[in-house]
């Protein structure tokens, strides 16, 4: 039967996993953040369409 993990090993594994996930999130967010790219705004309709015609 395999050995059981101690509480310290489980907590260390959880901490390392959280640090890895946090690092990946921060890394991908900074790579895709381009300050030179403009914001894309939705254009307003020229006239009020009124009711929907089918």
PDB file of N, CA and C in Angstrom:
ATOM      1  N   UNK A   1       0.845  -1.168   0.000  1.00  0.00           N
ATOM      2  CA  UNK A   1       0.000   0.000   0.000  1.00  0.00           C
ATOM      3  C   UNK A   1       0.900   1.244   0.000  1.00  0.00           C
ATOM      4  N   UNK A   2       0.548   2.267  -0.804  1.00  0.00           N
ATOM      5  CA  UNK A   2       1.410   3.452  -0.871  1.00  0.00           C
ATOM      6  C   UNK A   2       1.395   4.245   0.437  1.00  0.00           C
ATOM      7  N   UNK A   3       2.492   4.959   0.653  1.00  0.00           N
ATOM      8  CA  UNK A   3       2.582   5.785   1.858  1.00  0.00           C
ATOM      9  C   UNK A   3       1.609   6.950   1.775  1.00  0.00           C
ATOM     10  N   UNK A   4       1.099   7.342   2.931  1.00  0.00           N
ATOM     11  CA  UNK A   4       0.214   8.502   2.975  1.00  0.00           C
ATOM     12  C   UNK A   4       1.061   9.768   3.018  1.00  0.00           C
ATOM     13  N   UNK A   5       0.530  10.827   2.465  1.00  0.00           N
ATOM     14  CA  UNK A   5       1.233  12.106   2.485  1.00  0.00           C
ATOM     15  C   UNK A   5       0.965  12.816   3.802  1.00  0.00           C
ATOM     16  N   UNK A   6       1.965  13.488   4.297  1.00  0.00           N
ATOM     17  CA  UNK A   6       1.780  14.243   5.537  1.00  0.00           C
ATOM     18  C   UNK A   6       1.028  15.536   5.235  1.00  0.00           C
ATOM     19  N   UNK A   7       0.513  16.151   6.283  1.00  0.00           N
ATOM     20  CA  UNK A   7      -0.213  17.410   6.121  1.00  0.00           C
ATOM     21  C   UNK A   7       0.689  18.488   5.535  1.00  0.00           C
ATOM     22  N   UNK A   8       1.927  18.493   5.943  1.00  0.00           N
ATOM     23  CA  UNK A   8       2.878  19.491   5.443  1.00  0.00           C
ATOM     24  C   UNK A   8       3.094  19.330   3.940  1.00  0.00           C
ATOM     25  N   UNK A   9       3.189  18.095   3.457  1.00  0.00           N
ATOM     26  CA  UNK A   9       3.384  17.857   2.029  1.00  0.00           C
ATOM     27  C   UNK A   9       2.157  18.280   1.227  1.00  0.00           C
ATOM     28  N   UNK A  10       0.973  18.023   1.761  1.00  0.00           N
ATOM     29  CA  UNK A  10      -0.257  18.409   1.064  1.00  0.00           C
ATOM     30  C   UNK A  10      -0.360  19.927   0.989  1.00  0.00           C
ATOM     31  N   UNK A  11      -0.089  20.614   2.095  1.00  0.00           N
ATOM     32  CA  UNK A  11      -0.142  22.073   2.098  1.00  0.00           C
ATOM     33  C   UNK A  11       0.905  22.672   1.162  1.00  0.00           C
ATOM     34  N   UNK A  12       2.080  22.082   1.129  1.00  0.00           N
ATOM     35  CA  UNK A  12       3.120  22.557   0.227  1.00  0.00           C
ATOM     36  C   UNK A  12       2.705  22.366  -1.236  1.00  0.00           C
ATOM     37  N   UNK A  13       2.101  21.229  -1.545  1.00  0.00           N
ATOM     38  CA  UNK A  13       1.638  20.982  -2.911  1.00  0.00           C
ATOM     39  C   UNK A  13       0.544  21.976  -3.299  1.00  0.00           C
ATOM     40  N   UNK A  14      -0.376  22.265  -2.382  1.00  0.00           N
ATOM     41  CA  UNK A  14      -1.432  23.244  -2.665  1.00  0.00           C
ATOM     42  C   UNK A  14      -0.845  24.636  -2.874  1.00  0.00           C
ATOM     43  N   UNK A  15       0.095  25.020  -2.044  1.00  0.00           N
ATOM     44  CA  UNK A  15       0.718  26.332  -2.166  1.00  0.00           C
ATOM     45  C   UNK A  15       1.471  26.464  -3.489  1.00  0.00           C
ATOM     46  N   UNK A  16       2.218  25.444  -3.856  1.00  0.00           N
ATOM     47  CA  UNK A  16       2.947  25.487  -5.126  1.00  0.00           C
ATOM     48  C   UNK A  16       1.997  25.534  -6.316  1.00  0.00           C
ATOM     49  N   UNK A  17       0.889  24.812  -6.230  1.00  0.00           N
ATOM     50  CA  UNK A  17      -0.098  24.834  -7.308  1.00  0.00           C
ATOM     51  C   UNK A  17      -0.718  26.216  -7.447  1.00  0.00           C
ATOM     52  N   UNK A  18      -1.080  26.826  -6.322  1.00  0.00           N
ATOM     53  CA  UNK A  18      -1.654  28.172  -6.369  1.00  0.00           C
ATOM     54  C   UNK A  18      -0.654  29.184  -6.921  1.00  0.00           C
ATOM     55  N   UNK A  19       0.600  29.058  -6.533  1.00  0.00           N
ATOM     56  CA  UNK A  19       1.618  29.970  -7.049  1.00  0.00           C
ATOM     57  C   UNK A  19       1.812  29.784  -8.553  1.00  0.00           C
ATOM     58  N   UNK A  20       1.778  28.549  -9.018  1.00  0.00           N
ATOM     59  CA  UNK A  20       1.916  28.277 -10.444  1.00  0.00           C
ATOM     60  C   UNK A  20       0.754  28.880 -11.226  1.00  0.00           C
ATOM     61  N   UNK A  21      -0.466  28.672 -10.746  1.00  0.00           N
ATOM     62  CA  UNK A  21      -1.647  29.213 -11.427  1.00  0.00           C
ATOM     63  C   UNK A  21      -1.598  30.739 -11.430  1.00  0.00           C
ATOM     64  N   UNK A  22      -1.273  31.340 -10.297  1.00  0.00           N
ATOM     65  CA  UNK A  22      -1.184  32.796 -10.221  1.00  0.00           C
ATOM     66  C   UNK A  22      -0.114  33.329 -11.175  1.00  0.00           C
ATOM     67  N   UNK A  23       1.027  32.665 -11.229  1.00  0.00           N
ATOM     68  CA  UNK A  23       2.094  33.088 -12.134  1.00  0.00           C
ATOM     69  C   UNK A  23       1.685  32.998 -13.593  1.00  0.00           C
ATOM     70  N   UNK A  24       0.986  31.941 -13.960  1.00  0.00           N
ATOM     71  CA  UNK A  24       0.523  31.807 -15.343  1.00  0.00           C
ATOM     72  C   UNK A  24      -0.494  32.881 -15.693  1.00  0.00           C
ATOM     73  N   UNK A  25      -1.384  33.196 -14.759  1.00  0.00           N
ATOM     74  CA  UNK A  25      -2.387  34.237 -15.012  1.00  0.00           C
ATOM     75  C   UNK A  25      -1.711  35.589 -15.201  1.00  0.00           C
ATOM     76  N   UNK A  26      -0.788  35.921 -14.325  1.00  0.00           N
ATOM     77  CA  UNK A  26      -0.099  37.212 -14.421  1.00  0.00           C
ATOM     78  C   UNK A  26       0.715  37.284 -15.708  1.00  0.00           C
ATOM     79  N   UNK A  27       1.364  36.209 -16.066  1.00  0.00           N
ATOM     80  CA  UNK A  27       2.194  36.205 -17.268  1.00  0.00           C
ATOM     81  C   UNK A  27       1.344  36.393 -18.523  1.00  0.00           C
ATOM     82  N   UNK A  28       0.223  35.710 -18.628  1.00  0.00           N
ATOM     83  CA  UNK A  28      -0.598  35.833 -19.833  1.00  0.00           C
ATOM     84  C   UNK A  28      -1.297  37.183 -19.893  1.00  0.00           C
ATOM     85  N   UNK A  29      -1.648  37.761 -18.748  1.00  0.00           N
ATOM     86  CA  UNK A  29      -2.299  39.073 -18.747  1.00  0.00           C
ATOM     87  C   UNK A  29      -1.326  40.159 -19.195  1.00  0.00           C
ATOM     88  N   UNK A  30      -0.070  40.092 -18.792  1.00  0.00           N
ATOM     89  CA  UNK A  30       0.884  41.128 -19.170  1.00  0.00           C
ATOM     90  C   UNK A  30       1.329  40.968 -20.621  1.00  0.00           C
ATOM     91  N   UNK A  31       1.324  39.762 -21.150  1.00  0.00           N
ATOM     92  CA  UNK A  31       1.707  39.577 -22.547  1.00  0.00           C
ATOM     93  C   UNK A  31       0.645  40.117 -23.490  1.00  0.00           C
ATOM     94  N   UNK A  32      -0.617  40.007 -23.118  1.00  0.00           N
ATOM     95  CA  UNK A  32      -1.704  40.443 -23.986  1.00  0.00           C
ATOM     96  C   UNK A  32      -2.102  41.892 -23.756  1.00  0.00           C
ATOM     97  N   UNK A  33      -1.567  42.543 -22.761  1.00  0.00           N
ATOM     98  CA  UNK A  33      -1.905  43.938 -22.486  1.00  0.00           C
ATOM     99  C   UNK A  33      -1.071  44.832 -23.403  1.00  0.00           C
ATOM    100  N   UNK A  34      -1.703  45.393 -24.406  1.00  0.00           N
ATOM    101  CA  UNK A  34      -1.026  46.280 -25.348  1.00  0.00           C
ATOM    102  C   UNK A  34      -1.590  47.685 -25.162  1.00  0.00           C
ATOM    103  N   UNK A  35      -0.842  48.592 -24.524  1.00  0.00           N
ATOM    104  CA  UNK A  35      -1.379  49.927 -24.264  1.00  0.00           C
ATOM    105  C   UNK A  35      -1.592  50.748 -25.532  1.00  0.00           C
ATOM    106  N   UNK A  36      -0.971  50.379 -26.642  1.00  0.00           N
ATOM    107  CA  UNK A  36      -1.119  51.142 -27.876  1.00  0.00           C
ATOM    108  C   UNK A  36      -2.415  50.808 -28.609  1.00  0.00           C
ATOM    109  N   UNK A  37      -3.049  49.699 -28.277  1.00  0.00           N
ATOM    110  CA  UNK A  37      -4.271  49.329 -28.991  1.00  0.00           C
ATOM    111  C   UNK A  37      -5.436  50.190 -28.504  1.00  0.00           C
ATOM    112  N   UNK A  38      -6.199  50.753 -29.430  1.00  0.00           N
ATOM    113  CA  UNK A  38      -7.317  51.616 -29.038  1.00  0.00           C
ATOM    114  C   UNK A  38      -8.508  50.789 -28.549  1.00  0.00           C
ATOM    115  N   UNK A  39      -9.364  51.446 -27.805  1.00  0.00           N
ATOM    116  CA  UNK A  39     -10.594  50.791 -27.369  1.00  0.00           C
ATOM    117  C   UNK A  39     -11.563  50.743 -28.542  1.00  0.00           C
ATOM    118  N   UNK A  40     -12.244  49.651 -28.687  1.00  0.00           N
ATOM    119  CA  UNK A  40     -13.211  49.505 -29.768  1.00  0.00           C
ATOM    120  C   UNK A  40     -14.596  49.813 -29.224  1.00  0.00           C
ATOM    121  N   UNK A  41     -15.163  50.913 -29.670  1.00  0.00           N
ATOM    122  CA  UNK A  41     -16.486  51.314 -29.213  1.00  0.00           C
ATOM    123  C   UNK A  41     -17.516  50.894 -30.238  1.00  0.00           C
ATOM    124  N   UNK A  42     -18.670  50.584 -29.757  1.00  0.00           N
ATOM    125  CA  UNK A  42     -19.773  50.226 -30.625  1.00  0.00           C
ATOM    126  C   UNK A  42     -20.405  51.498 -31.165  1.00  0.00           C
ATOM    127  N   UNK A  43     -20.652  51.540 -32.446  1.00  0.00           N
ATOM    128  CA  UNK A  43     -21.251  52.735 -33.031  1.00  0.00           C
ATOM    129  C   UNK A  43     -22.742  52.767 -32.727  1.00  0.00           C
ATOM    130  N   UNK A  44     -23.246  53.972 -32.511  1.00  0.00           N
ATOM    131  CA  UNK A  44     -24.669  54.147 -32.255  1.00  0.00           C
ATOM    132  C   UNK A  44     -25.426  54.068 -33.579  1.00  0.00           C
ATOM    133  N   UNK A  45     -26.645  53.521 -33.568  1.00  0.00           N
ATOM    134  CA  UNK A  45     -27.430  53.486 -34.807  1.00  0.00           C
ATOM    135  C   UNK A  45     -27.770  54.907 -35.263  1.00  0.00           C
ATOM    136  N   UNK A  46     -27.822  55.100 -36.579  1.00  0.00           N
ATOM    137  CA  UNK A  46     -28.066  56.430 -37.137  1.00  0.00           C
ATOM    138  C   UNK A  46     -29.460  56.937 -36.778  1.00  0.00           C
ATOM    139  N   UNK A  47     -30.453  56.085 -36.875  1.00  0.00           N
ATOM    140  CA  UNK A  47     -31.826  56.486 -36.560  1.00  0.00           C
ATOM    141  C   UNK A  47     -32.444  55.467 -35.632  1.00  0.00           C
ATOM    142  N   UNK A  48     -33.514  55.876 -34.990  1.00  0.00           N
ATOM    143  CA  UNK A  48     -34.240  54.973 -34.101  1.00  0.00           C
ATOM    144  C   UNK A  48     -35.003  53.966 -34.960  1.00  0.00           C
ATOM    145  N   UNK A  49     -34.770  52.677 -34.820  1.00  0.00           N
ATOM    146  CA  UNK A  49     -35.419  51.697 -35.691  1.00  0.00           C
ATOM    147  C   UNK A  49     -36.916  51.566 -35.438  1.00  0.00           C
ATOM    148  N   UNK A  50     -37.420  52.010 -34.306  1.00  0.00           N
ATOM    149  CA  UNK A  50     -38.853  51.894 -34.038  1.00  0.00           C
ATOM    150  C   UNK A  50     -39.212  50.474 -33.671  1.00  0.00           C
ATOM    151  N   UNK A  51     -40.258  49.952 -34.289  1.00  0.00           N
ATOM    152  CA  UNK A  51     -40.689  48.593 -33.974  1.00  0.00           C
ATOM    153  C   UNK A  51     -40.006  47.595 -34.891  1.00  0.00           C
ATOM    154  N   UNK A  52     -39.994  46.372 -34.461  1.00  0.00           N
ATOM    155  CA  UNK A  52     -39.388  45.302 -35.232  1.00  0.00           C
ATOM    156  C   UNK A  52     -40.365  44.824 -36.292  1.00  0.00           C
ATOM    157  N   UNK A  53     -39.927  44.771 -37.531  1.00  0.00           N
ATOM    158  CA  UNK A  53     -40.783  44.289 -38.622  1.00  0.00           C
ATOM    159  C   UNK A  53     -40.296  42.918 -39.054  1.00  0.00           C
ATOM    160  N   UNK A  54     -41.220  42.016 -39.186  1.00  0.00           N
ATOM    161  CA  UNK A  54     -40.869  40.657 -39.604  1.00  0.00           C
ATOM    162  C   UNK A  54     -41.356  40.406 -41.009  1.00  0.00           C
TER     163      UNK A  54
END
